[in-house]
Amino acid sequence: MNKFTPPSLDPPKHEMAYFPQMTTSLPSESGDFRRVLWTGLYSQLVLMTVPVDGEIGDEKHTVDQILTFTSGQGKATIAGIDQDVKAGDLIIVPAGTQHQFINTGPTPLILYTVYSPAEHKPTSVHKDKAQGDREEEEDIDVPPEWSQRSKAENEKLGLVDPEGH
């Protein structure tokens, strides 16, 4: 049974997105290297599984990233500083900061990450790192234009109410 609702390419509706057991059993049910679960106007939720001896890749984003580890163990290298990570840990990587995550344990390193704003196409599911890298290089895995707009632009378009009504 697939517990993952297919994400939409459209801007989010004004309704709750619910992911039960997100810090326990749900992440281990994917197995994909990267699976986008939800994309909002200002953030994106992505589930990742780093295989044994695998890595996310040495990278630097133009977006903020918050990673919560749910299973396994690994090594985070952020701006040249190493930190061991395990289930229950959270790491924040500010935009423009070099980072790498390596699985150092005997089981997959599983995490969910929040990008702000979105970093990937809302429907992206990458079976492995090679597919993710290829789709990024070929400009297939790109965030939607609507997820990159400013708050003022979204208010002007009526996607958010500046008065909070």
Protein backbone atom coordinates (compact mmCIF):
# COMPACT_ATOMS: atom_id res chain seq x y z
CA MET A 1 0.00 0.00 0.00
CA ASN A 2 1.42 3.39 -1.00
CA LYS A 3 1.11 5.84 1.90
CA PHE A 4 2.44 8.69 -0.20
CA THR A 5 -0.14 10.93 -1.82
CA PRO A 6 1.10 12.09 -5.23
CA PRO A 7 2.19 15.74 -4.92
CA SER A 8 0.67 18.37 -7.17
CA LEU A 9 2.44 20.68 -9.58
CA ASP A 10 -0.01 23.44 -8.60
CA PRO A 11 0.40 25.94 -5.75
CA PRO A 12 -0.83 24.48 -2.46
CA LYS A 13 -4.46 24.69 -1.45
CA HIS A 14 -5.36 26.29 1.84
CA GLU A 15 -5.67 22.97 3.64
CA MET A 16 -3.68 20.81 6.00
CA ALA A 17 -1.07 18.34 4.78
CA TYR A 18 -0.86 15.45 7.26
CA PHE A 19 1.97 12.92 7.50
CA PRO A 20 1.29 10.49 10.37
CA GLN A 21 4.26 8.74 11.96
CA MET A 22 6.72 11.06 10.20
CA THR A 23 9.40 10.62 12.84
CA THR A 24 8.97 6.86 13.24
CA SER A 25 7.73 4.43 10.61
CA LEU A 26 6.66 6.55 7.60
CA PRO A 27 10.17 7.52 6.39
CA SER A 28 11.34 3.91 6.16
CA GLU A 29 8.43 3.05 3.84
CA SER A 30 9.83 5.04 0.91
CA GLY A 31 13.29 3.60 0.17
CA ASP A 32 13.80 6.19 -2.58
CA PHE A 33 16.86 8.42 -2.42
CA ARG A 34 14.66 11.52 -2.67
CA ARG A 35 10.88 11.89 -2.58
CA VAL A 36 9.18 15.29 -2.50
CA LEU A 37 6.17 15.04 -0.18
CA TRP A 38 4.82 18.58 -0.26
CA THR A 39 5.66 21.95 -1.82
CA GLY A 40 4.35 25.23 -0.48
CA LEU A 41 4.66 28.85 -1.47
CA TYR A 42 7.67 29.28 0.84
CA SER A 43 8.94 25.80 1.76
CA GLN A 44 9.17 22.16 0.66
CA LEU A 45 9.14 18.84 2.55
CA VAL A 46 11.38 16.09 1.14
CA LEU A 47 12.03 12.55 2.39
CA MET A 48 15.50 11.07 1.78
CA THR A 49 17.06 7.64 2.17
CA VAL A 50 20.85 7.49 1.95
CA PRO A 51 21.97 3.88 1.36
CA VAL A 52 24.71 2.15 3.32
CA ASP A 53 28.07 3.68 2.26
CA GLY A 54 26.11 6.37 0.36
CA GLU A 55 26.09 10.14 0.56
CA ILE A 56 23.91 13.09 -0.33
CA GLY A 57 26.78 14.78 -2.15
CA ASP A 58 28.93 17.78 -1.38
CA GLU A 59 26.71 20.74 -2.22
CA LYS A 60 25.69 24.31 -1.55
CA HIS A 61 22.13 25.62 -1.98
CA THR A 62 20.70 29.10 -2.34
CA VAL A 63 17.94 28.05 0.09
CA ASP A 64 17.82 27.27 3.81
CA GLN A 65 17.62 23.57 4.72
CA ILE A 66 16.52 21.88 7.95
CA LEU A 67 17.25 18.14 8.20
CA THR A 68 15.70 15.79 10.78
CA PHE A 69 17.18 12.30 11.00
CA THR A 70 14.74 9.46 11.72
CA SER A 71 16.89 6.33 11.30
CA GLY A 72 20.51 5.26 10.91
CA GLN A 73 23.72 7.11 11.58
CA GLY A 74 25.99 9.32 9.58
CA LYS A 75 28.47 12.14 9.40
CA ALA A 76 27.48 15.69 8.57
CA THR A 77 30.12 18.08 7.31
CA ILE A 78 28.88 21.67 7.42
CA ALA A 79 31.23 24.51 6.44
CA GLY A 80 34.18 22.17 7.06
CA ILE A 81 33.07 21.03 10.53
CA ASP A 82 32.20 17.34 11.10
CA GLN A 83 29.29 16.24 13.27
CA ASP A 84 28.05 12.69 13.89
CA VAL A 85 24.27 12.39 13.39
CA LYS A 86 21.69 9.78 14.34
CA ALA A 87 17.92 9.30 14.66
CA GLY A 88 16.40 12.19 16.60
CA ASP A 89 19.00 14.76 15.53
CA LEU A 90 18.25 17.94 13.59
CA ILE A 91 20.70 20.07 11.61
CA ILE A 92 20.13 23.47 10.04
CA VAL A 93 22.13 24.41 6.94
CA PRO A 94 21.79 28.12 6.10
CA ALA A 95 21.60 29.14 2.45
CA GLY A 96 25.01 29.40 0.83
CA THR A 97 26.68 26.94 3.23
CA GLN A 98 28.73 24.02 1.88
CA HIS A 99 27.45 20.70 3.26
CA GLN A 100 27.69 16.92 2.90
CA PHE A 101 25.97 14.01 4.65
CA ILE A 102 27.48 10.51 4.55
CA ASN A 103 25.91 7.30 5.81
CA THR A 104 28.44 5.74 8.21
CA GLY A 105 26.19 3.03 9.64
CA PRO A 106 25.08 -0.51 8.76
CA THR A 107 21.53 0.57 7.78
CA PRO A 108 20.09 3.31 5.55
CA LEU A 109 20.36 6.87 6.86
CA ILE A 110 16.82 8.21 6.67
CA LEU A 111 15.79 11.83 7.09
CA TYR A 112 13.27 14.38 6.09
CA THR A 113 14.31 17.86 5.12
CA VAL A 114 12.54 21.17 4.76
CA TYR A 115 13.86 23.52 2.10
CA SER A 116 12.87 27.17 2.21
CA PRO A 117 12.03 28.05 -0.48
CA ALA A 118 11.58 24.89 -2.57
CA GLU A 119 14.65 23.25 -4.12
CA HIS A 120 13.04 20.50 -6.25
CA LYS A 121 10.18 19.84 -8.65
CA PRO A 122 7.04 19.08 -6.56
CA THR A 123 6.59 15.61 -8.11
CA SER A 124 10.23 14.48 -7.94
CA VAL A 125 10.90 10.90 -6.86
CA HIS A 126 14.51 9.81 -7.39
CA LYS A 127 15.23 6.12 -6.97
CA ASP A 128 18.93 6.85 -6.40
CA LYS A 129 21.44 9.70 -6.23
CA ALA A 130 22.49 9.20 -9.87
CA GLN A 131 18.93 9.82 -11.08
CA GLY A 132 18.64 12.90 -8.86
CA ASP A 133 21.95 14.30 -10.09
CA ARG A 134 21.04 13.62 -13.72
CA GLU A 135 17.63 15.31 -13.43
CA GLU A 136 19.17 18.34 -11.74
CA GLU A 137 21.88 18.63 -14.44
CA GLU A 138 19.26 18.31 -17.20
CA ASP A 139 17.04 20.98 -15.54
CA ILE A 140 14.21 18.45 -15.09
CA ASP A 141 14.24 18.70 -11.29
CA VAL A 142 13.62 22.41 -10.79
CA PRO A 143 11.29 24.11 -8.34
CA PRO A 144 8.16 25.67 -9.80
CA GLU A 145 8.16 29.39 -10.52
CA TRP A 146 5.28 29.92 -8.07
CA SER A 147 7.43 28.58 -5.19
CA GLN A 148 10.12 31.19 -5.82
CA ARG A 149 8.00 34.36 -5.63
CA SER A 150 8.19 36.92 -2.87
CA LYS A 151 5.57 37.37 -0.19
CA ALA A 152 4.54 40.68 -1.83
CA GLU A 153 4.06 38.97 -5.21
CA ASN A 154 1.92 36.21 -3.68
CA GLU A 155 -0.20 38.79 -1.83
CA LYS A 156 -0.70 40.78 -5.05
CA LEU A 157 -1.78 37.59 -6.86
CA GLY A 158 -4.25 36.80 -4.07
CA LEU A 159 -2.54 33.55 -3.05
CA VAL A 160 -2.15 34.80 0.51
CA ASP A 161 -4.18 37.41 2.39
CA PRO A 162 -1.98 40.11 3.95
CA GLU A 163 -4.72 40.76 6.51
CA GLY A 164 -4.78 37.11 7.59
CA HIS A 165 -8.48 36.61 6.75
